[in-house]
Amino acid sequence: MITLRVDADTVARVRFSFSPANEVMSWLKIAATGRRHPVFGDPGPSARSALTHPDVALLAGLIPPSGATYVPDFVTPQPGRATRPAELLDEQIAAVEATGQDVLEFQLGEAIDLTWGRCAPVPIRRALESGTMPKRLASGLFRLWTHSLAEVWPTLQSVIDQDIAARVTTLRTHGLARLLNTAHPKLTWTGGAIVLDSAFTGEHDFSGRDLVLAPSVLSWPDLLVQGPDDAVLYLPPHQVGTGSPRHGRDLGAVIGDARALLLAELEQARSTTDLARRLGYTPGTISYHLSAMHRVGLVTKHRDGRYVLYKRTPQSCALLPD
């Protein structure tokens, strides 16, 4: 059990945001370990290709070994108060690049030794000693974002925005206690502390700190805590994974109602632009979902002049709402 002690100042400074840097690190963890996200599936060739870059590979060296969960906090700085993803990411990358040597030495030395049960990998230690660590890790974050997440971010942002809106409604209508007690099954508000049901034990003082509640799509379904210096609770959005496919089909990359809406429109072949106009989504969001459905055999595609047209397959009809 982990206890996060807070005071009135912390409660007064609770706010919502989202962390592009944490989404990058979550995606990197999945790509670097050869796993699949339980909802979004395979990170894909773009993420694996990015891993071949030395700066991204260095960043991957911070992925904890099996049985450990600690990732140095300085690579996922607490989100600022910007509202646009690009601005937040720029701020976070600048914060990583500006990380002081004392913070680096502690988080990459004593903290890793304690939580991982062994010291950091040799490339990490060499980069730390050379003084190139902050700049290279900032570069790795930006490169992985650019090559693997920037194009699909509108979909992730939509989920995050919906989740924040729902939680703000809870806060407005029922107060902070209800908000925290319904934030995650493993999280409890006691009136003076946030208690996390965890296999790990510890007590941390978050008094006088800003506390950010950040829905995190790509770390779903995990509840993550960071701090106390950069205090963040990464919350798995409630609606992710609720659109579970029938018949065991791998529809992991498609979430919620977007799947059903797209399949319903694809009785006849349509282009990305046409679908975006009909459904009110951005073309990027439509393209992301169509690519996901094409990978698992739910839609076909063929080129007709300047357009690529998509159409649902016979087997996908069984997935439509009855």
Protein backbone atom coordinates (compact mmCIF):
# COMPACT_ATOMS: atom_id res chain seq x y z
CA MET A 1 0.00 0.00 0.00
CA ILE A 2 1.30 3.44 -0.95
CA THR A 3 0.18 6.52 0.98
CA LEU A 4 0.44 9.99 -0.51
CA ARG A 5 0.14 12.58 2.25
CA VAL A 6 -1.46 15.85 1.14
CA ASP A 7 -2.53 19.09 2.81
CA ALA A 8 -5.03 21.84 2.08
CA ASP A 9 -2.52 23.53 -0.22
CA THR A 10 -2.23 20.37 -2.33
CA VAL A 11 -6.02 19.99 -2.49
CA ALA A 12 -6.37 23.62 -3.61
CA ARG A 13 -3.87 23.04 -6.42
CA VAL A 14 -5.28 19.82 -7.90
CA ARG A 15 -5.74 20.24 -11.65
CA PHE A 16 -6.28 18.16 -14.78
CA SER A 17 -3.93 17.90 -17.71
CA PHE A 18 -2.33 15.29 -19.93
CA SER A 19 1.26 14.28 -20.55
CA PRO A 20 2.55 13.69 -24.08
CA ALA A 21 5.89 12.63 -22.57
CA ASN A 22 4.22 9.92 -20.52
CA GLU A 23 2.33 8.67 -23.57
CA VAL A 24 5.65 8.47 -25.44
CA MET A 25 7.28 6.52 -22.61
CA SER A 26 4.31 4.16 -22.32
CA TRP A 27 4.40 3.47 -26.07
CA LEU A 28 8.16 3.04 -25.93
CA LYS A 29 7.85 0.47 -23.16
CA ILE A 30 5.46 -1.59 -25.27
CA ALA A 31 7.57 -1.29 -28.43
CA ALA A 32 10.89 -1.99 -26.70
CA THR A 33 9.61 -5.11 -24.94
CA GLY A 34 7.89 -6.55 -28.02
CA ARG A 35 4.45 -6.46 -26.44
CA ARG A 36 1.03 -5.32 -27.61
CA HIS A 37 -1.13 -2.68 -26.00
CA PRO A 38 -4.32 -4.34 -24.71
CA VAL A 39 -6.44 -1.81 -26.63
CA PHE A 40 -4.25 -0.29 -29.33
CA GLY A 41 -2.37 -3.45 -30.26
CA ASP A 42 1.01 -3.54 -31.99
CA PRO A 43 3.05 -0.29 -31.86
CA GLY A 44 3.87 -0.90 -35.51
CA PRO A 45 6.93 -0.59 -37.73
CA SER A 46 7.34 3.17 -37.20
CA ALA A 47 7.92 2.69 -33.47
CA ARG A 48 10.27 -0.24 -34.04
CA SER A 49 12.17 1.74 -36.64
CA ALA A 50 12.52 4.68 -34.25
CA LEU A 51 14.11 2.32 -31.71
CA THR A 52 17.12 1.95 -33.99
CA HIS A 53 18.07 5.60 -33.44
CA PRO A 54 20.74 5.94 -30.71
CA ASP A 55 18.80 8.58 -28.75
CA VAL A 56 15.59 6.54 -28.73
CA ALA A 57 17.61 3.44 -27.80
CA LEU A 58 19.13 5.39 -24.92
CA LEU A 59 15.64 6.37 -23.78
CA ALA A 60 14.60 2.71 -23.99
CA GLY A 61 17.41 1.94 -21.56
CA LEU A 62 15.27 3.60 -18.88
CA ILE A 63 12.49 1.03 -19.27
CA PRO A 64 12.49 -0.92 -15.99
CA PRO A 65 13.21 -4.64 -15.95
CA SER A 66 10.50 -7.19 -15.24
CA GLY A 67 9.20 -6.82 -11.70
CA ALA A 68 10.14 -3.14 -11.42
CA THR A 69 7.97 -0.14 -12.25
CA TYR A 70 10.16 2.90 -11.64
CA VAL A 71 10.93 5.15 -14.60
CA PRO A 72 12.98 8.25 -13.70
CA ASP A 73 10.54 11.09 -13.19
CA PHE A 74 12.62 13.66 -15.04
CA VAL A 75 11.78 12.09 -18.44
CA THR A 76 8.05 12.70 -17.79
CA PRO A 77 7.99 16.21 -16.31
CA GLN A 78 4.78 17.35 -14.70
CA PRO A 79 2.59 18.87 -17.46
CA GLY A 80 2.43 22.65 -17.42
CA ARG A 81 -0.67 24.74 -18.02
CA ALA A 82 -0.63 24.81 -21.81
CA THR A 83 -3.70 23.31 -23.48
CA ARG A 84 -2.29 22.34 -26.87
CA PRO A 85 -0.39 19.02 -27.12
CA ALA A 86 2.47 20.51 -29.14
CA GLU A 87 3.00 23.23 -26.54
CA LEU A 88 2.89 20.77 -23.66
CA LEU A 89 5.35 18.49 -25.40
CA ASP A 90 7.69 21.39 -26.17
CA GLU A 91 7.61 22.40 -22.50
CA GLN A 92 8.27 18.85 -21.34
CA ILE A 93 11.14 18.33 -23.79
CA ALA A 94 12.68 21.63 -22.67
CA ALA A 95 12.35 20.51 -19.04
CA VAL A 96 14.08 17.19 -19.78
CA GLU A 97 16.92 18.99 -21.55
CA ALA A 98 17.30 21.37 -18.58
CA THR A 99 17.49 18.61 -15.95
CA GLY A 100 20.21 19.34 -13.41
CA GLN A 101 23.12 17.01 -12.79
CA ASP A 102 22.10 16.40 -9.16
CA VAL A 103 18.66 15.17 -10.25
CA LEU A 104 20.20 12.99 -12.95
CA GLU A 105 22.68 11.42 -10.57
CA PHE A 106 20.04 10.64 -7.97
CA GLN A 107 17.32 9.30 -10.27
CA LEU A 108 19.73 7.35 -12.48
CA GLY A 109 21.84 6.16 -9.57
CA GLU A 110 20.41 5.66 -6.10
CA ALA A 111 16.75 5.56 -7.17
CA ILE A 112 17.34 2.98 -9.90
CA ASP A 113 19.56 0.88 -7.64
CA LEU A 114 16.84 0.83 -5.02
CA THR A 115 13.85 0.14 -7.27
CA TRP A 116 15.40 -2.05 -9.96
CA GLY A 117 17.67 -4.06 -7.67
CA ARG A 118 20.61 -3.30 -9.93
CA CYS A 119 22.37 -0.30 -11.44
CA ALA A 120 21.40 1.44 -14.66
CA PRO A 121 22.60 -0.05 -17.97
CA VAL A 122 26.11 0.83 -19.13
CA PRO A 123 24.97 3.15 -22.00
CA ILE A 124 22.93 5.15 -19.49
CA ARG A 125 25.87 5.51 -17.12
CA ARG A 126 28.22 6.53 -19.95
CA ALA A 127 25.82 9.17 -21.24
CA LEU A 128 25.43 10.49 -17.69
CA GLU A 129 29.19 10.76 -17.24
CA SER A 130 29.65 12.45 -20.62
CA GLY A 131 27.12 15.20 -19.85
CA THR A 132 25.09 14.43 -22.98
CA MET A 133 22.25 12.64 -21.19
CA PRO A 134 19.54 15.38 -21.00
CA LYS A 135 19.93 16.53 -24.59
CA ARG A 136 19.93 13.00 -25.99
CA LEU A 137 16.89 11.87 -23.98
CA ALA A 138 14.99 15.00 -25.03
CA SER A 139 15.90 14.17 -28.63
CA GLY A 140 14.70 10.59 -28.16
CA LEU A 141 11.34 11.73 -26.80
CA PHE A 142 10.79 14.09 -29.71
CA ARG A 143 11.88 11.55 -32.31
CA LEU A 144 9.57 8.80 -31.04
CA TRP A 145 6.67 11.26 -30.80
CA THR A 146 7.26 12.48 -34.35
CA HIS A 147 7.68 9.05 -35.92
CA SER A 148 5.09 7.07 -34.00
CA LEU A 149 2.49 9.16 -32.15
CA ALA A 150 2.02 12.58 -33.73
CA GLU A 151 -0.18 11.29 -36.55
CA VAL A 152 -2.54 9.34 -34.28
CA TRP A 153 -2.59 11.87 -31.45
CA PRO A 154 -6.02 13.30 -32.38
CA THR A 155 -7.55 9.94 -31.46
CA LEU A 156 -5.75 9.82 -28.12
CA GLN A 157 -6.60 13.45 -27.42
CA SER A 158 -10.28 12.76 -28.03
CA VAL A 159 -10.26 10.01 -25.41
CA ILE A 160 -8.35 12.18 -22.93
CA ASP A 161 -10.70 15.14 -23.43
CA GLN A 162 -13.78 12.98 -22.89
CA ASP A 163 -12.31 11.48 -19.73
CA ILE A 164 -11.34 14.86 -18.26
CA ALA A 165 -14.81 16.22 -19.05
CA ALA A 166 -16.46 13.32 -17.23
CA ARG A 167 -14.21 13.72 -14.18
CA VAL A 168 -14.77 17.48 -14.07
CA THR A 169 -18.52 16.81 -14.03
CA THR A 170 -18.02 14.52 -11.03
CA LEU A 171 -15.97 17.21 -9.30
CA ARG A 172 -18.57 19.87 -10.02
CA THR A 173 -21.57 17.84 -8.91
CA HIS A 174 -20.15 15.75 -6.05
CA GLY A 175 -16.83 17.27 -4.95
CA LEU A 176 -13.21 16.20 -4.70
CA ALA A 177 -13.79 13.20 -2.43
CA ARG A 178 -16.13 11.57 -4.94
CA LEU A 179 -13.77 12.46 -7.79
CA LEU A 180 -10.82 10.72 -6.12
CA ASN A 181 -12.79 7.75 -4.80
CA THR A 182 -14.12 7.03 -8.28
CA ALA A 183 -10.88 7.77 -10.11
CA HIS A 184 -9.67 4.15 -10.00
CA PRO A 185 -10.64 1.01 -8.03
CA LYS A 186 -7.20 0.97 -6.38
CA LEU A 187 -7.34 4.59 -5.25
CA THR A 188 -8.95 5.80 -2.02
CA TRP A 189 -9.23 9.27 -0.53
CA THR A 190 -9.05 9.33 3.29
CA GLY A 191 -9.42 13.08 3.84
CA GLY A 192 -5.73 13.64 4.45
CA ALA A 193 -4.11 11.23 2.07
CA ILE A 194 -4.49 9.38 -1.21
CA VAL A 195 -4.02 5.66 -0.64
CA LEU A 196 -3.09 3.34 -3.49
CA ASP A 197 -3.65 -0.40 -3.22
CA SER A 198 -0.27 -1.68 -4.37
CA ALA A 199 2.12 -4.57 -3.92
CA PHE A 200 4.69 -1.94 -2.99
CA THR A 201 4.67 -0.10 0.33
CA GLY A 202 5.70 3.42 1.15
CA GLU A 203 4.62 6.86 2.25
CA HIS A 204 5.31 10.05 0.32
CA ASP A 205 4.65 13.64 1.34
CA PHE A 206 2.88 15.60 -1.39
CA SER A 207 2.08 18.50 0.93
CA GLY A 208 2.35 21.92 -0.67
CA ARG A 209 2.74 20.47 -4.15
CA ASP A 210 0.79 20.93 -7.33
CA LEU A 211 -0.98 17.62 -8.05
CA VAL A 212 -1.91 16.86 -11.64
CA LEU A 213 -4.52 14.26 -12.51
CA ALA A 214 -3.60 13.10 -16.01
CA PRO A 215 -5.62 10.55 -17.98
CA SER A 216 -3.13 8.32 -19.80
CA VAL A 217 -4.39 6.28 -22.72
CA LEU A 218 -1.24 4.33 -23.55
CA SER A 219 -0.45 3.29 -19.97
CA TRP A 220 -4.01 1.90 -19.67
CA PRO A 221 -5.05 -0.08 -17.63
CA ASP A 222 -2.33 0.81 -15.10
CA LEU A 223 -2.63 3.47 -12.41
CA LEU A 224 0.72 5.25 -12.14
CA VAL A 225 2.01 7.66 -9.52
CA GLN A 226 4.87 10.11 -9.92
CA GLY A 227 6.36 12.47 -7.39
CA PRO A 228 6.51 14.12 -4.99
CA ASP A 229 8.56 16.75 -6.86
CA ASP A 230 6.68 16.40 -10.16
CA ALA A 231 3.45 15.10 -8.62
CA VAL A 232 1.22 13.36 -11.15
CA LEU A 233 -1.38 10.62 -10.94
CA TYR A 234 -1.74 8.95 -14.32
CA LEU A 235 -5.29 7.62 -14.52
CA PRO A 236 -6.52 5.05 -17.06
CA PRO A 237 -9.49 6.64 -18.88
CA HIS A 238 -12.76 4.95 -17.95
CA GLN A 239 -14.02 4.53 -21.50
CA VAL A 240 -10.92 2.83 -22.95
CA GLY A 241 -11.55 -0.86 -23.54
CA THR A 242 -15.29 -0.65 -22.97
CA GLY A 243 -16.03 -1.42 -26.61
CA SER A 244 -14.84 -5.02 -26.29
CA PRO A 245 -15.24 -6.95 -29.56
CA ARG A 246 -17.38 -10.04 -29.83
CA HIS A 247 -16.24 -13.38 -31.18
CA GLY A 248 -12.73 -12.76 -29.85
CA ARG A 249 -11.80 -10.55 -32.82
CA ASP A 250 -8.69 -8.44 -32.40
CA LEU A 251 -10.21 -4.98 -32.56
CA GLY A 252 -7.72 -3.65 -30.06
CA ALA A 253 -6.78 -0.56 -32.05
CA VAL A 254 -10.37 0.70 -32.27
CA ILE A 255 -12.25 2.05 -29.29
CA GLY A 256 -15.77 2.98 -28.35
CA ASP A 257 -18.41 4.03 -30.85
CA ALA A 258 -15.99 5.05 -33.59
CA ARG A 259 -15.72 1.41 -34.73
CA ALA A 260 -19.46 0.93 -35.12
CA LEU A 261 -19.96 4.30 -36.80
CA LEU A 262 -17.27 3.66 -39.38
CA LEU A 263 -18.39 0.12 -40.15
CA ALA A 264 -21.98 1.29 -40.53
CA GLU A 265 -20.88 3.90 -43.09
CA LEU A 266 -18.76 1.41 -45.03
CA GLU A 267 -21.56 -0.64 -46.56
CA GLN A 268 -20.38 1.09 -49.71
CA ALA A 269 -16.80 2.13 -50.46
CA ARG A 270 -15.87 5.56 -49.13
CA SER A 271 -12.75 7.70 -48.87
CA THR A 272 -11.20 9.08 -45.69
CA THR A 273 -12.31 12.60 -46.66
CA ASP A 274 -15.89 11.48 -47.25
CA LEU A 275 -16.03 9.65 -43.91
CA ALA A 276 -14.58 12.63 -42.05
CA ARG A 277 -17.25 14.88 -43.57
CA ARG A 278 -20.08 12.47 -42.78
CA LEU A 279 -19.05 11.65 -39.20
CA GLY A 280 -17.48 14.89 -38.02
CA TYR A 281 -14.11 13.37 -37.10
CA THR A 282 -10.79 14.75 -38.30
CA PRO A 283 -9.25 13.00 -41.32
CA GLY A 284 -6.34 11.93 -39.11
CA THR A 285 -8.68 10.18 -36.68
CA ILE A 286 -10.56 8.47 -39.51
CA SER A 287 -7.28 7.34 -41.09
CA TYR A 288 -6.04 5.92 -37.81
CA HIS A 289 -9.18 3.84 -37.22
CA LEU A 290 -9.32 2.65 -40.83
CA SER A 291 -5.70 1.53 -40.71
CA ALA A 292 -6.39 -0.36 -37.51
CA MET A 293 -9.45 -2.07 -38.95
CA HIS A 294 -7.62 -2.91 -42.16
CA ARG A 295 -4.85 -4.63 -40.18
CA VAL A 296 -7.34 -6.99 -38.56
CA GLY A 297 -9.33 -7.69 -41.72
CA LEU A 298 -12.44 -5.66 -40.99
CA VAL A 299 -12.19 -3.42 -44.04
CA THR A 300 -10.72 -3.67 -47.51
CA LYS A 301 -9.12 -0.81 -49.41
CA HIS A 302 -8.37 -0.08 -53.05
CA ARG A 303 -7.24 2.95 -55.00
CA ASP A 304 -9.64 4.72 -57.35
CA GLY A 305 -7.81 7.54 -59.08
CA ARG A 306 -6.64 10.02 -56.45
CA TYR A 307 -8.60 8.37 -53.65
CA VAL A 308 -8.19 5.27 -51.49
CA LEU A 309 -11.61 3.76 -50.87
CA TYR A 310 -12.49 1.59 -47.87
CA LYS A 311 -15.31 -0.92 -47.54
CA ARG A 312 -16.27 -3.29 -44.74
CA THR A 313 -15.68 -7.01 -45.16
CA PRO A 314 -18.45 -9.61 -44.75
CA GLN A 315 -17.04 -10.85 -41.45
CA SER A 316 -17.06 -7.34 -39.98
CA CYS A 317 -20.86 -7.16 -40.31
CA ALA A 318 -21.20 -9.44 -37.25
CA LEU A 319 -19.52 -6.74 -35.15
CA LEU A 320 -22.11 -4.10 -35.88
CA PRO A 321 -24.62 -3.30 -33.12
CA ASP A 322 -27.72 -5.51 -33.30
